[in-house]
Protein backbone atom coordinates (compact mmCIF):
# COMPACT_ATOMS: atom_id res chain seq x y z
CA MET A 1 35.02 -16.29 -159.07
CA ILE A 2 32.30 -15.37 -156.49
CA ASP A 3 30.04 -18.25 -157.36
CA ASN A 4 32.37 -20.80 -156.87
CA ALA A 5 34.20 -19.38 -153.81
CA ILE A 6 35.27 -21.39 -150.89
CA ASP A 7 35.09 -19.57 -147.54
CA ILE A 8 38.60 -19.98 -145.61
CA ASN A 9 39.95 -18.65 -142.47
CA ARG A 10 42.36 -15.45 -141.89
CA LYS A 11 45.20 -18.13 -141.20
CA THR A 12 44.92 -20.00 -144.10
CA PHE A 13 44.65 -16.84 -146.50
CA LEU A 14 47.69 -15.45 -144.85
CA ARG A 15 49.70 -18.85 -145.81
CA HIS A 16 49.06 -18.02 -149.66
CA VAL A 17 49.42 -14.15 -149.88
CA ASP A 18 52.37 -11.81 -149.80
CA ASP A 19 52.60 -10.21 -146.46
CA SER A 20 53.99 -6.94 -147.72
CA GLU A 21 51.11 -6.50 -150.17
CA LEU A 22 48.71 -7.29 -147.90
CA ALA A 23 50.23 -4.79 -145.23
CA ASP A 24 50.20 -2.00 -147.91
CA ILE A 25 46.31 -2.73 -148.48
CA ALA A 26 45.70 -2.96 -144.82
CA GLU A 27 47.23 0.47 -144.38
CA SER A 28 45.58 2.05 -147.44
CA LEU A 29 42.29 1.10 -145.84
CA GLY A 30 42.87 2.61 -142.57
CA TYR A 31 43.70 -0.37 -140.45
CA CYS A 32 45.97 -0.15 -137.51
CA TRP A 33 49.11 -2.35 -136.75
CA HIS A 34 48.05 -3.19 -133.35
CA PRO A 35 44.75 -3.32 -131.36
CA SER A 36 45.90 -0.85 -128.81
CA GLN A 37 46.10 1.64 -131.51
CA GLY A 38 42.59 1.07 -132.94
CA LEU A 39 40.92 -1.52 -135.27
CA THR A 40 43.17 -4.02 -137.27
CA MET A 41 42.21 -5.82 -140.28
CA ALA A 42 42.50 -9.26 -138.10
CA GLY A 43 40.02 -7.66 -135.80
CA ASP A 44 37.48 -6.50 -138.28
CA TRP A 45 34.83 -9.20 -138.63
CA HIS A 46 33.11 -7.70 -141.51
CA ILE A 47 36.03 -8.98 -143.67
CA SER A 48 35.55 -12.35 -144.98
CA TYR A 49 38.55 -14.57 -146.83
CA HIS A 50 37.91 -16.86 -149.56
CA ARG A 51 39.57 -19.14 -152.35
CA SER A 52 38.39 -19.48 -155.84
CA LYS A 53 39.41 -19.65 -159.44
CA LEU A 54 39.83 -16.76 -161.83
CA HIS A 55 40.44 -17.35 -165.46
CA GLY A 56 41.29 -21.18 -164.63
CA LYS A 57 43.83 -20.05 -162.06
CA ARG A 58 43.65 -20.54 -158.14
CA VAL A 59 43.16 -17.12 -156.28
CA TYR A 60 42.77 -15.99 -152.75
CA PHE A 61 40.68 -12.91 -152.08
CA PHE A 62 39.22 -11.05 -149.12
CA LYS A 63 36.11 -9.07 -149.34
CA HIS A 64 35.88 -5.83 -147.63
CA SER A 65 32.69 -3.25 -148.21
CA ALA A 66 31.47 -5.58 -151.02
CA ILE A 67 34.95 -5.19 -152.87
CA GLU A 68 37.03 -8.00 -153.59
CA TYR A 69 40.81 -7.88 -153.49
CA VAL A 70 42.21 -10.48 -155.21
CA PHE A 71 45.78 -12.15 -154.92
CA THR A 72 47.52 -14.45 -157.40
CA ASN A 73 50.61 -16.27 -157.13
CA SER A 74 52.06 -14.05 -159.82
CA GLY A 75 52.19 -11.27 -157.10
CA ARG A 76 49.33 -9.15 -158.83
CA VAL A 77 46.44 -7.72 -156.59
CA TRP A 78 43.18 -7.19 -158.47
CA LYS A 79 40.52 -4.82 -157.14
């Protein structure tokens, strides 16, 4: 998955993942909802967004602190 990943931007990533699942992960990682409250996930330049295949299926994932958070169209999130 990592070797064949294609870099994408956050906007593209957001079109392909479940908003509520992403919001839950962002909150668990300590991100704020609004820049006036602190660092948001969108404002963290350390996060990268990608598209790839895992077990033959298209997946979208973001990388945070060398951990890949993988989203599939089945609604599962793998870490």
